[in-house]
Amino acid sequence: MPVYTYKCECGNGFEKIQPMSKASDDQPCPECGKEAPRSVGSIFENNSTRARSANFPKRKRYTNW
């Protein structure tokens, strides 16, 4: 099961392991008890071809078959 991050109005952030079917449900804050919405994760990875090819050395082209 995935881990979801929640952020409450009181400033408390917490994580909870839940099935995907309950991911959009608000969860009670362990500090104040109010319902806290799920926060969007901030880790994104750029998977573009340009970014991947920048990490590899240039290949030599062999054209004399």
N, C-alpha and C. Protein backbone atom coordinates (compact mmCIF):
# COMPACT_ATOMS: atom_id res chain seq x y z
N MET A 1 0.84 -1.18 0.00
CA MET A 1 0.00 0.00 0.00
C MET A 1 0.89 1.25 0.00
N PRO A 2 0.45 2.28 -0.71
CA PRO A 2 1.24 3.51 -0.79
C PRO A 2 1.13 4.36 0.48
N VAL A 3 2.13 5.21 0.64
CA VAL A 3 2.16 6.16 1.76
C VAL A 3 1.71 7.51 1.23
N TYR A 4 0.73 8.13 1.89
CA TYR A 4 0.21 9.43 1.48
C TYR A 4 0.57 10.47 2.55
N THR A 5 0.84 11.68 2.10
CA THR A 5 1.18 12.78 2.99
C THR A 5 0.00 13.73 3.12
N TYR A 6 -0.28 14.12 4.35
CA TYR A 6 -1.39 15.03 4.65
C TYR A 6 -0.85 16.26 5.36
N LYS A 7 -1.50 17.40 5.13
CA LYS A 7 -1.08 18.66 5.76
C LYS A 7 -2.31 19.31 6.38
N CYS A 8 -2.26 19.55 7.69
CA CYS A 8 -3.38 20.12 8.42
C CYS A 8 -3.27 21.64 8.48
N GLU A 9 -4.41 22.30 8.78
CA GLU A 9 -4.43 23.75 8.94
C GLU A 9 -3.56 24.21 10.11
N CYS A 10 -3.38 23.35 11.11
CA CYS A 10 -2.59 23.72 12.29
C CYS A 10 -1.09 23.70 11.99
N GLY A 11 -0.72 23.27 10.78
CA GLY A 11 0.69 23.25 10.38
C GLY A 11 1.34 21.89 10.54
N ASN A 12 0.62 20.95 11.07
CA ASN A 12 1.16 19.61 11.26
C ASN A 12 1.07 18.82 9.96
N GLY A 13 2.17 18.20 9.57
CA GLY A 13 2.18 17.31 8.42
C GLY A 13 2.39 15.89 8.91
N PHE A 14 1.70 14.95 8.31
CA PHE A 14 1.84 13.55 8.72
C PHE A 14 1.63 12.64 7.53
N GLU A 15 2.09 11.41 7.67
CA GLU A 15 1.97 10.41 6.61
C GLU A 15 1.09 9.27 7.10
N LYS A 16 0.43 8.63 6.15
CA LYS A 16 -0.45 7.53 6.49
C LYS A 16 -0.41 6.49 5.37
N ILE A 17 -0.33 5.24 5.74
CA ILE A 17 -0.37 4.14 4.77
C ILE A 17 -1.83 3.76 4.57
N GLN A 18 -2.28 3.84 3.29
CA GLN A 18 -3.67 3.55 2.99
C GLN A 18 -3.80 2.89 1.64
N PRO A 19 -4.90 2.17 1.43
CA PRO A 19 -5.15 1.65 0.09
C PRO A 19 -5.47 2.80 -0.87
N MET A 20 -5.25 2.58 -2.14
CA MET A 20 -5.47 3.62 -3.14
C MET A 20 -6.93 4.05 -3.20
N SER A 21 -7.84 3.19 -2.83
CA SER A 21 -9.26 3.53 -2.87
C SER A 21 -9.63 4.61 -1.85
N LYS A 22 -8.81 4.79 -0.81
CA LYS A 22 -9.09 5.80 0.22
C LYS A 22 -8.11 6.96 0.15
N ALA A 23 -7.40 7.11 -0.94
CA ALA A 23 -6.37 8.14 -1.06
C ALA A 23 -6.94 9.55 -1.04
N SER A 24 -8.12 9.74 -1.60
CA SER A 24 -8.68 11.09 -1.68
C SER A 24 -9.46 11.49 -0.42
N ASP A 25 -9.65 10.57 0.51
CA ASP A 25 -10.36 10.88 1.75
C ASP A 25 -9.49 11.71 2.68
N ASP A 26 -10.09 12.73 3.30
CA ASP A 26 -9.37 13.50 4.32
C ASP A 26 -9.17 12.63 5.55
N GLN A 27 -8.06 12.87 6.26
CA GLN A 27 -7.74 12.09 7.44
C GLN A 27 -7.65 12.98 8.67
N PRO A 28 -8.00 12.47 9.86
CA PRO A 28 -7.92 13.29 11.06
C PRO A 28 -6.46 13.55 11.46
N CYS A 29 -6.19 14.79 11.83
CA CYS A 29 -4.85 15.19 12.26
C CYS A 29 -4.56 14.58 13.64
N PRO A 30 -3.39 13.98 13.83
CA PRO A 30 -3.08 13.42 15.15
C PRO A 30 -2.86 14.48 16.23
N GLU A 31 -2.59 15.73 15.84
CA GLU A 31 -2.36 16.80 16.81
C GLU A 31 -3.67 17.44 17.28
N CYS A 32 -4.49 17.92 16.32
CA CYS A 32 -5.69 18.69 16.70
C CYS A 32 -7.00 17.95 16.43
N GLY A 33 -6.98 16.90 15.61
CA GLY A 33 -8.18 16.13 15.33
C GLY A 33 -9.00 16.62 14.15
N LYS A 34 -8.63 17.76 13.55
CA LYS A 34 -9.37 18.27 12.39
C LYS A 34 -9.06 17.41 11.16
N GLU A 35 -9.97 17.46 10.18
CA GLU A 35 -9.77 16.73 8.94
C GLU A 35 -8.68 17.42 8.11
N ALA A 36 -7.68 16.67 7.69
CA ALA A 36 -6.57 17.22 6.92
C ALA A 36 -6.61 16.67 5.50
N PRO A 37 -6.52 17.56 4.50
CA PRO A 37 -6.49 17.09 3.10
C PRO A 37 -5.12 16.54 2.73
N ARG A 38 -5.11 15.70 1.72
CA ARG A 38 -3.86 15.13 1.22
C ARG A 38 -3.07 16.21 0.50
N SER A 39 -1.79 16.28 0.74
CA SER A 39 -0.94 17.25 0.06
C SER A 39 -0.26 16.60 -1.13
N VAL A 40 0.04 17.41 -2.12
CA VAL A 40 0.67 16.91 -3.33
C VAL A 40 2.17 16.80 -3.09
N GLY A 41 2.76 15.70 -3.48
CA GLY A 41 4.20 15.51 -3.32
C GLY A 41 4.99 16.48 -4.18
N SER A 42 6.18 16.81 -3.75
CA SER A 42 6.97 17.80 -4.47
C SER A 42 8.17 17.18 -5.18
N ILE A 43 8.23 15.87 -5.24
CA ILE A 43 9.36 15.23 -5.91
C ILE A 43 8.93 14.85 -7.32
N PHE A 44 9.54 15.52 -8.29
CA PHE A 44 9.26 15.24 -9.68
C PHE A 44 10.58 14.97 -10.39
N GLU A 45 10.56 14.10 -11.36
CA GLU A 45 11.77 13.78 -12.09
C GLU A 45 11.52 14.06 -13.56
N ASN A 46 12.48 14.69 -14.18
CA ASN A 46 12.38 14.99 -15.59
C ASN A 46 12.88 13.78 -16.38
N ASN A 47 12.01 13.16 -17.13
CA ASN A 47 12.38 11.96 -17.89
C ASN A 47 12.49 12.23 -19.37
N SER A 48 12.79 13.46 -19.73
CA SER A 48 12.89 13.76 -21.14
C SER A 48 14.14 13.13 -21.75
N THR A 49 14.12 12.93 -23.02
CA THR A 49 15.25 12.32 -23.72
C THR A 49 16.49 13.19 -23.61
N ARG A 50 16.30 14.48 -23.70
CA ARG A 50 17.43 15.39 -23.62
C ARG A 50 18.14 15.26 -22.26
N ALA A 51 17.39 15.18 -21.18
CA ALA A 51 17.99 15.07 -19.84
C ALA A 51 18.72 13.74 -19.67
N ARG A 52 18.17 12.67 -20.21
CA ARG A 52 18.83 11.37 -20.08
C ARG A 52 20.07 11.29 -20.93
N SER A 53 20.03 11.83 -22.12
CA SER A 53 21.17 11.72 -23.02
C SER A 53 22.32 12.62 -22.58
N ALA A 54 22.06 13.63 -21.75
CA ALA A 54 23.12 14.50 -21.27
C ALA A 54 24.06 13.76 -20.32
N ASN A 55 23.58 12.68 -19.70
CA ASN A 55 24.40 11.94 -18.75
C ASN A 55 25.28 10.89 -19.41
N PHE A 56 25.05 10.59 -20.67
CA PHE A 56 25.81 9.57 -21.35
C PHE A 56 26.81 10.21 -22.32
N PRO A 57 27.98 9.58 -22.49
CA PRO A 57 28.94 10.13 -23.44
C PRO A 57 28.43 9.99 -24.87
N LYS A 58 28.93 10.84 -25.74
CA LYS A 58 28.52 10.79 -27.15
C LYS A 58 29.02 9.50 -27.78
N ARG A 59 28.18 8.91 -28.61
CA ARG A 59 28.58 7.68 -29.31
C ARG A 59 29.26 8.05 -30.62
N LYS A 60 30.20 7.23 -30.98
CA LYS A 60 30.83 7.40 -32.29
C LYS A 60 29.94 6.73 -33.33
N ARG A 61 29.80 7.37 -34.46
CA ARG A 61 29.00 6.78 -35.52
C ARG A 61 29.94 6.08 -36.50
N TYR A 62 29.71 4.82 -36.67
CA TYR A 62 30.50 4.04 -37.60
C TYR A 62 29.72 3.90 -38.91
N THR A 63 30.21 4.54 -39.94
CA THR A 63 29.46 4.53 -41.20
C THR A 63 30.18 3.73 -42.30
N ASN A 64 31.33 3.21 -42.01
CA ASN A 64 32.05 2.46 -43.04
C ASN A 64 31.77 0.96 -42.90
N TRP A 65 30.66 0.55 -43.39
CA TRP A 65 30.25 -0.86 -43.32
C TRP A 65 30.92 -1.64 -44.38
